[in-house]
Amino acid sequence: MSFFFSLNKRLWPTLHLDPLNPKDAKSIIIAECHSVDIKLSKEQEKKLERHCRSATTCNALYVTLFGKMIARAGRAGNLDKILHQCFQCQDTVSLYRLVLRSIQESMANDIDKELVKQ
């Protein structure tokens, strides 16, 4: 008995999302902050508006991840530092790397840090 699988016969469906417009991207991130009682300063909002202008920084996954990262940072008390680091990320992959580094740094022991690294 032999099995043969052809990957060319049926492709997995792919969902393509158009980028959000910059105003909506900014609003979603600010709403995420408000959901955890964090208010961005006017200067932080201006920087956010300048940052959310490209298709990659208005990508729905990027915007969601950015909002979650900022909300977490605000609760931890290091909003300015994390916001600055997030602004350095120009695509979703680099933002995911930042999130994983942040999680790794927050681990209490070397075993947990290595687990996150793997």
N, C-alpha and C. Protein backbone atom coordinates (compact mmCIF):
# COMPACT_ATOMS: atom_id res chain seq x y z
N MET A 1 0.85 -1.16 0.00
CA MET A 1 0.00 0.00 0.00
C MET A 1 0.90 1.23 0.00
N SER A 2 0.69 2.11 -0.93
CA SER A 2 1.48 3.33 -0.97
C SER A 2 0.57 4.55 -0.97
N PHE A 3 1.09 5.59 -0.41
CA PHE A 3 0.35 6.84 -0.35
C PHE A 3 1.09 7.89 -1.15
N PHE A 4 0.35 8.67 -1.86
CA PHE A 4 0.95 9.74 -2.64
C PHE A 4 0.16 11.02 -2.37
N PHE A 5 0.85 12.03 -1.92
CA PHE A 5 0.21 13.31 -1.66
C PHE A 5 0.76 14.33 -2.63
N SER A 6 -0.12 14.99 -3.29
CA SER A 6 0.30 16.05 -4.20
C SER A 6 -0.09 17.39 -3.60
N LEU A 7 0.87 18.23 -3.39
CA LEU A 7 0.61 19.54 -2.83
C LEU A 7 0.06 20.50 -3.89
N ASN A 8 0.21 20.15 -5.14
CA ASN A 8 -0.24 21.05 -6.19
C ASN A 8 -1.72 20.94 -6.49
N LYS A 9 -2.37 19.88 -6.08
CA LYS A 9 -3.78 19.70 -6.41
C LYS A 9 -4.67 20.68 -5.68
N ARG A 10 -4.40 20.90 -4.41
CA ARG A 10 -5.26 21.78 -3.65
C ARG A 10 -4.40 22.64 -2.71
N LEU A 11 -4.43 23.91 -2.95
CA LEU A 11 -3.68 24.83 -2.10
C LEU A 11 -4.54 25.25 -0.92
N TRP A 12 -3.88 25.55 0.17
CA TRP A 12 -4.59 26.08 1.33
C TRP A 12 -5.12 27.45 0.97
N PRO A 13 -6.32 27.76 1.42
CA PRO A 13 -6.85 29.10 1.15
C PRO A 13 -6.03 30.15 1.89
N THR A 14 -5.87 31.28 1.29
CA THR A 14 -5.10 32.36 1.88
C THR A 14 -6.00 33.58 2.02
N LEU A 15 -5.95 34.18 3.17
CA LEU A 15 -6.71 35.38 3.42
C LEU A 15 -5.79 36.57 3.25
N HIS A 16 -6.13 37.44 2.33
CA HIS A 16 -5.36 38.66 2.11
C HIS A 16 -6.15 39.84 2.64
N LEU A 17 -5.56 40.57 3.56
CA LEU A 17 -6.20 41.74 4.13
C LEU A 17 -5.52 42.99 3.60
N ASP A 18 -6.31 43.92 3.15
CA ASP A 18 -5.75 45.20 2.73
C ASP A 18 -5.29 45.95 3.97
N PRO A 19 -4.27 46.78 3.82
CA PRO A 19 -3.84 47.58 4.97
C PRO A 19 -4.96 48.50 5.44
N LEU A 20 -4.95 48.80 6.71
CA LEU A 20 -5.89 49.78 7.26
C LEU A 20 -5.46 51.17 6.80
N ASN A 21 -6.36 52.11 6.84
CA ASN A 21 -5.91 53.47 6.56
C ASN A 21 -5.21 53.98 7.82
N PRO A 22 -4.29 54.93 7.68
CA PRO A 22 -3.50 55.38 8.83
C PRO A 22 -4.34 55.87 10.01
N LYS A 23 -5.44 56.54 9.73
CA LYS A 23 -6.29 57.05 10.81
C LYS A 23 -6.89 55.89 11.62
N ASP A 24 -7.35 54.85 10.92
CA ASP A 24 -7.91 53.69 11.62
C ASP A 24 -6.85 52.93 12.40
N ALA A 25 -5.65 52.80 11.83
CA ALA A 25 -4.56 52.12 12.52
C ALA A 25 -4.25 52.82 13.84
N LYS A 26 -4.12 54.13 13.78
CA LYS A 26 -3.85 54.91 14.99
C LYS A 26 -4.98 54.74 16.00
N SER A 27 -6.22 54.81 15.53
CA SER A 27 -7.38 54.69 16.42
C SER A 27 -7.44 53.34 17.12
N ILE A 28 -7.09 52.28 16.40
CA ILE A 28 -7.10 50.94 16.99
C ILE A 28 -6.06 50.83 18.10
N ILE A 29 -4.88 51.36 17.86
CA ILE A 29 -3.81 51.31 18.86
C ILE A 29 -4.19 52.13 20.09
N ILE A 30 -4.75 53.31 19.87
CA ILE A 30 -5.17 54.16 20.99
C ILE A 30 -6.31 53.49 21.77
N ALA A 31 -7.22 52.86 21.07
CA ALA A 31 -8.32 52.15 21.74
C ALA A 31 -7.78 51.01 22.61
N GLU A 32 -6.77 50.30 22.11
CA GLU A 32 -6.15 49.23 22.90
C GLU A 32 -5.54 49.81 24.17
N CYS A 33 -4.90 50.95 24.06
CA CYS A 33 -4.33 51.61 25.24
C CYS A 33 -5.43 52.01 26.22
N HIS A 34 -6.50 52.58 25.70
CA HIS A 34 -7.60 53.01 26.58
C HIS A 34 -8.25 51.82 27.28
N SER A 35 -8.23 50.66 26.64
CA SER A 35 -8.85 49.48 27.25
C SER A 35 -8.14 49.04 28.53
N VAL A 36 -6.90 49.48 28.70
CA VAL A 36 -6.16 49.17 29.93
C VAL A 36 -5.80 50.45 30.69
N ASP A 37 -6.60 51.51 30.45
CA ASP A 37 -6.45 52.79 31.16
C ASP A 37 -5.10 53.46 30.95
N ILE A 38 -4.61 53.41 29.72
CA ILE A 38 -3.37 54.10 29.38
C ILE A 38 -3.71 55.20 28.39
N LYS A 39 -3.24 56.40 28.69
CA LYS A 39 -3.47 57.53 27.79
C LYS A 39 -2.12 57.99 27.26
N LEU A 40 -2.01 57.99 25.94
CA LEU A 40 -0.79 58.48 25.32
C LEU A 40 -0.76 60.01 25.37
N SER A 41 0.44 60.55 25.52
CA SER A 41 0.58 62.01 25.49
C SER A 41 0.36 62.50 24.06
N LYS A 42 0.17 63.78 23.90
CA LYS A 42 -0.01 64.36 22.56
C LYS A 42 1.21 64.09 21.69
N GLU A 43 2.39 64.18 22.28
CA GLU A 43 3.63 63.92 21.53
C GLU A 43 3.70 62.46 21.09
N GLN A 44 3.33 61.54 21.98
CA GLN A 44 3.32 60.12 21.63
C GLN A 44 2.31 59.84 20.53
N GLU A 45 1.14 60.50 20.59
CA GLU A 45 0.14 60.33 19.55
C GLU A 45 0.64 60.85 18.20
N LYS A 46 1.35 61.97 18.21
CA LYS A 46 1.91 62.52 16.97
C LYS A 46 2.93 61.56 16.36
N LYS A 47 3.78 61.00 17.22
CA LYS A 47 4.76 60.03 16.74
C LYS A 47 4.07 58.79 16.18
N LEU A 48 3.01 58.35 16.84
CA LEU A 48 2.25 57.20 16.36
C LEU A 48 1.63 57.49 15.00
N GLU A 49 1.10 58.68 14.85
CA GLU A 49 0.50 59.08 13.57
C GLU A 49 1.54 59.09 12.45
N ARG A 50 2.73 59.60 12.74
CA ARG A 50 3.81 59.61 11.73
C ARG A 50 4.26 58.19 11.41
N HIS A 51 4.25 57.33 12.42
CA HIS A 51 4.72 55.95 12.23
C HIS A 51 3.76 55.13 11.37
N CYS A 52 2.48 55.33 11.58
CA CYS A 52 1.46 54.53 10.89
C CYS A 52 1.08 55.14 9.55
N ARG A 53 2.02 55.18 8.64
CA ARG A 53 1.75 55.76 7.32
C ARG A 53 2.01 54.81 6.17
N SER A 54 2.76 53.76 6.42
CA SER A 54 3.08 52.83 5.32
C SER A 54 2.13 51.63 5.35
N ALA A 55 2.12 50.91 4.25
CA ALA A 55 1.27 49.71 4.18
C ALA A 55 1.67 48.68 5.23
N THR A 56 2.97 48.57 5.50
CA THR A 56 3.41 47.56 6.47
C THR A 56 3.07 47.94 7.90
N THR A 57 3.09 49.23 8.23
CA THR A 57 2.75 49.64 9.59
C THR A 57 1.25 49.84 9.76
N CYS A 58 0.49 49.70 8.69
CA CYS A 58 -0.98 49.74 8.77
C CYS A 58 -1.58 48.35 8.54
N ASN A 59 -0.72 47.35 8.46
CA ASN A 59 -1.16 45.97 8.33
C ASN A 59 -1.93 45.60 9.60
N ALA A 60 -3.05 44.89 9.45
CA ALA A 60 -3.91 44.58 10.59
C ALA A 60 -3.17 43.79 11.68
N LEU A 61 -2.34 42.83 11.30
CA LEU A 61 -1.59 42.06 12.29
C LEU A 61 -0.58 42.95 13.00
N TYR A 62 0.11 43.79 12.26
CA TYR A 62 1.09 44.72 12.84
C TYR A 62 0.41 45.63 13.85
N VAL A 63 -0.72 46.22 13.46
CA VAL A 63 -1.44 47.16 14.32
C VAL A 63 -1.91 46.47 15.60
N THR A 64 -2.44 45.27 15.48
CA THR A 64 -2.90 44.52 16.64
C THR A 64 -1.74 44.21 17.58
N LEU A 65 -0.66 43.73 17.04
CA LEU A 65 0.51 43.40 17.85
C LEU A 65 1.10 44.65 18.50
N PHE A 66 1.17 45.74 17.75
CA PHE A 66 1.69 47.00 18.27
C PHE A 66 0.84 47.46 19.46
N GLY A 67 -0.48 47.42 19.30
CA GLY A 67 -1.37 47.84 20.37
C GLY A 67 -1.21 46.99 21.62
N LYS A 68 -1.12 45.68 21.45
CA LYS A 68 -0.94 44.78 22.60
C LYS A 68 0.39 45.03 23.30
N MET A 69 1.43 45.26 22.51
CA MET A 69 2.75 45.51 23.08
C MET A 69 2.76 46.81 23.89
N ILE A 70 2.13 47.85 23.37
CA ILE A 70 2.09 49.13 24.06
C ILE A 70 1.24 49.02 25.33
N ALA A 71 0.12 48.32 25.24
CA ALA A 71 -0.73 48.15 26.42
C ALA A 71 0.02 47.42 27.53
N ARG A 72 0.74 46.38 27.16
CA ARG A 72 1.53 45.62 28.15
C ARG A 72 2.62 46.50 28.75
N ALA A 73 3.29 47.28 27.91
CA ALA A 73 4.37 48.15 28.38
C ALA A 73 3.83 49.22 29.32
N GLY A 74 2.65 49.75 29.01
CA GLY A 74 2.06 50.77 29.87
C GLY A 74 1.73 50.23 31.25
N ARG A 75 1.23 49.01 31.29
CA ARG A 75 0.92 48.39 32.59
C ARG A 75 2.20 48.12 33.38
N ALA A 76 3.28 47.83 32.66
CA ALA A 76 4.55 47.53 33.33
C ALA A 76 5.32 48.79 33.71
N GLY A 77 4.88 49.92 33.18
CA GLY A 77 5.52 51.18 33.55
C GLY A 77 6.70 51.59 32.69
N ASN A 78 6.91 50.95 31.57
CA ASN A 78 8.02 51.34 30.69
C ASN A 78 7.52 51.69 29.28
N LEU A 79 6.47 52.48 29.24
CA LEU A 79 5.81 52.82 27.98
C LEU A 79 6.74 53.55 27.01
N ASP A 80 7.45 54.57 27.48
CA ASP A 80 8.32 55.35 26.59
C ASP A 80 9.38 54.49 25.93
N LYS A 81 10.01 53.63 26.71
CA LYS A 81 11.07 52.77 26.18
C LYS A 81 10.52 51.82 25.11
N ILE A 82 9.43 51.14 25.41
CA ILE A 82 8.85 50.18 24.47
C ILE A 82 8.28 50.88 23.25
N LEU A 83 7.66 52.02 23.46
CA LEU A 83 7.12 52.78 22.33
C LEU A 83 8.23 53.16 21.37
N HIS A 84 9.34 53.61 21.91
CA HIS A 84 10.50 53.95 21.07
C HIS A 84 10.99 52.71 20.30
N GLN A 85 11.08 51.57 20.98
CA GLN A 85 11.52 50.34 20.32
C GLN A 85 10.53 49.91 19.24
N CYS A 86 9.25 50.04 19.50
CA CYS A 86 8.23 49.67 18.52
C CYS A 86 8.32 50.56 17.28
N PHE A 87 8.61 51.84 17.49
CA PHE A 87 8.73 52.75 16.35
C PHE A 87 9.90 52.38 15.44
N GLN A 88 10.86 51.64 15.96
CA GLN A 88 12.00 51.20 15.15
C GLN A 88 11.62 50.03 14.24
N CYS A 89 10.53 49.36 14.53
CA CYS A 89 10.08 48.19 13.76
C CYS A 89 9.22 48.64 12.60
N GLN A 90 9.66 48.35 11.40
CA GLN A 90 8.95 48.81 10.21
C GLN A 90 8.11 47.73 9.54
N ASP A 91 8.11 46.53 10.11
CA ASP A 91 7.28 45.46 9.56
C ASP A 91 6.89 44.49 10.68
N THR A 92 5.99 43.59 10.36
CA THR A 92 5.45 42.67 11.36
C THR A 92 6.52 41.72 11.89
N VAL A 93 7.41 41.25 11.04
CA VAL A 93 8.45 40.32 11.48
C VAL A 93 9.36 40.97 12.52
N SER A 94 9.80 42.19 12.26
CA SER A 94 10.68 42.86 13.23
C SER A 94 9.93 43.15 14.53
N LEU A 95 8.64 43.44 14.44
CA LEU A 95 7.85 43.67 15.65
C LEU A 95 7.69 42.38 16.45
N TYR A 96 7.47 41.26 15.76
CA TYR A 96 7.42 39.96 16.45
C TYR A 96 8.74 39.66 17.15
N ARG A 97 9.84 39.97 16.51
CA ARG A 97 11.16 39.75 17.14
C ARG A 97 11.28 40.57 18.42
N LEU A 98 10.83 41.81 18.37
CA LEU A 98 10.86 42.67 19.55
C LEU A 98 10.00 42.08 20.66
N VAL A 99 8.82 41.61 20.33
CA VAL A 99 7.93 41.01 21.32
C VAL A 99 8.58 39.79 21.95
N LEU A 100 9.15 38.94 21.14
CA LEU A 100 9.80 37.74 21.68
C LEU A 100 11.01 38.09 22.55
N ARG A 101 11.79 39.08 22.14
CA ARG A 101 12.93 39.53 22.97
C ARG A 101 12.42 40.07 24.30
N SER A 102 11.34 40.82 24.26
CA SER A 102 10.77 41.39 25.47
C SER A 102 10.29 40.29 26.41
N ILE A 103 9.63 39.29 25.86
CA ILE A 103 9.17 38.16 26.67
C ILE A 103 10.36 37.42 27.25
N GLN A 104 11.37 37.20 26.42
CA GLN A 104 12.56 36.49 26.88
C GLN A 104 13.24 37.24 28.04
N GLU A 105 13.35 38.56 27.92
CA GLU A 105 13.98 39.36 28.97
C GLU A 105 13.18 39.35 30.27
N SER A 106 11.87 39.14 30.16
CA SER A 106 11.04 39.14 31.36
C SER A 106 11.05 37.81 32.10
N MET A 107 11.63 36.77 31.50
CA MET A 107 11.69 35.46 32.14
C MET A 107 12.62 35.50 33.35
N ALA A 108 12.24 34.75 34.36
CA ALA A 108 12.95 34.79 35.63
C ALA A 108 14.27 34.00 35.62
N ASN A 109 14.30 32.89 34.89
CA ASN A 109 15.52 32.08 34.94
C ASN A 109 16.01 31.73 33.54
N ASP A 110 17.24 31.23 33.48
CA ASP A 110 17.89 30.94 32.20
C ASP A 110 17.19 29.83 31.42
N ILE A 111 16.62 28.88 32.12
CA ILE A 111 15.93 27.77 31.43
C ILE A 111 14.73 28.32 30.65
N ASP A 112 13.94 29.18 31.31
CA ASP A 112 12.79 29.78 30.64
C ASP A 112 13.23 30.68 29.48
N LYS A 113 14.32 31.41 29.69
CA LYS A 113 14.82 32.29 28.62
C LYS A 113 15.26 31.47 27.41
N GLU A 114 15.88 30.35 27.65
CA GLU A 114 16.32 29.48 26.56
C GLU A 114 15.12 28.87 25.84
N LEU A 115 14.10 28.53 26.59
CA LEU A 115 12.88 27.99 26.00
C LEU A 115 12.26 29.00 25.04
N VAL A 116 12.18 30.24 25.44
CA VAL A 116 11.63 31.29 24.57
C VAL A 116 12.52 31.46 23.35
N LYS A 117 13.82 31.41 23.54
CA LYS A 117 14.76 31.56 22.42
C LYS A 117 14.56 30.47 21.38
N GLN A 118 14.35 29.24 21.87
CA GLN A 118 14.15 28.12 20.94
C GLN A 118 12.86 28.29 20.18
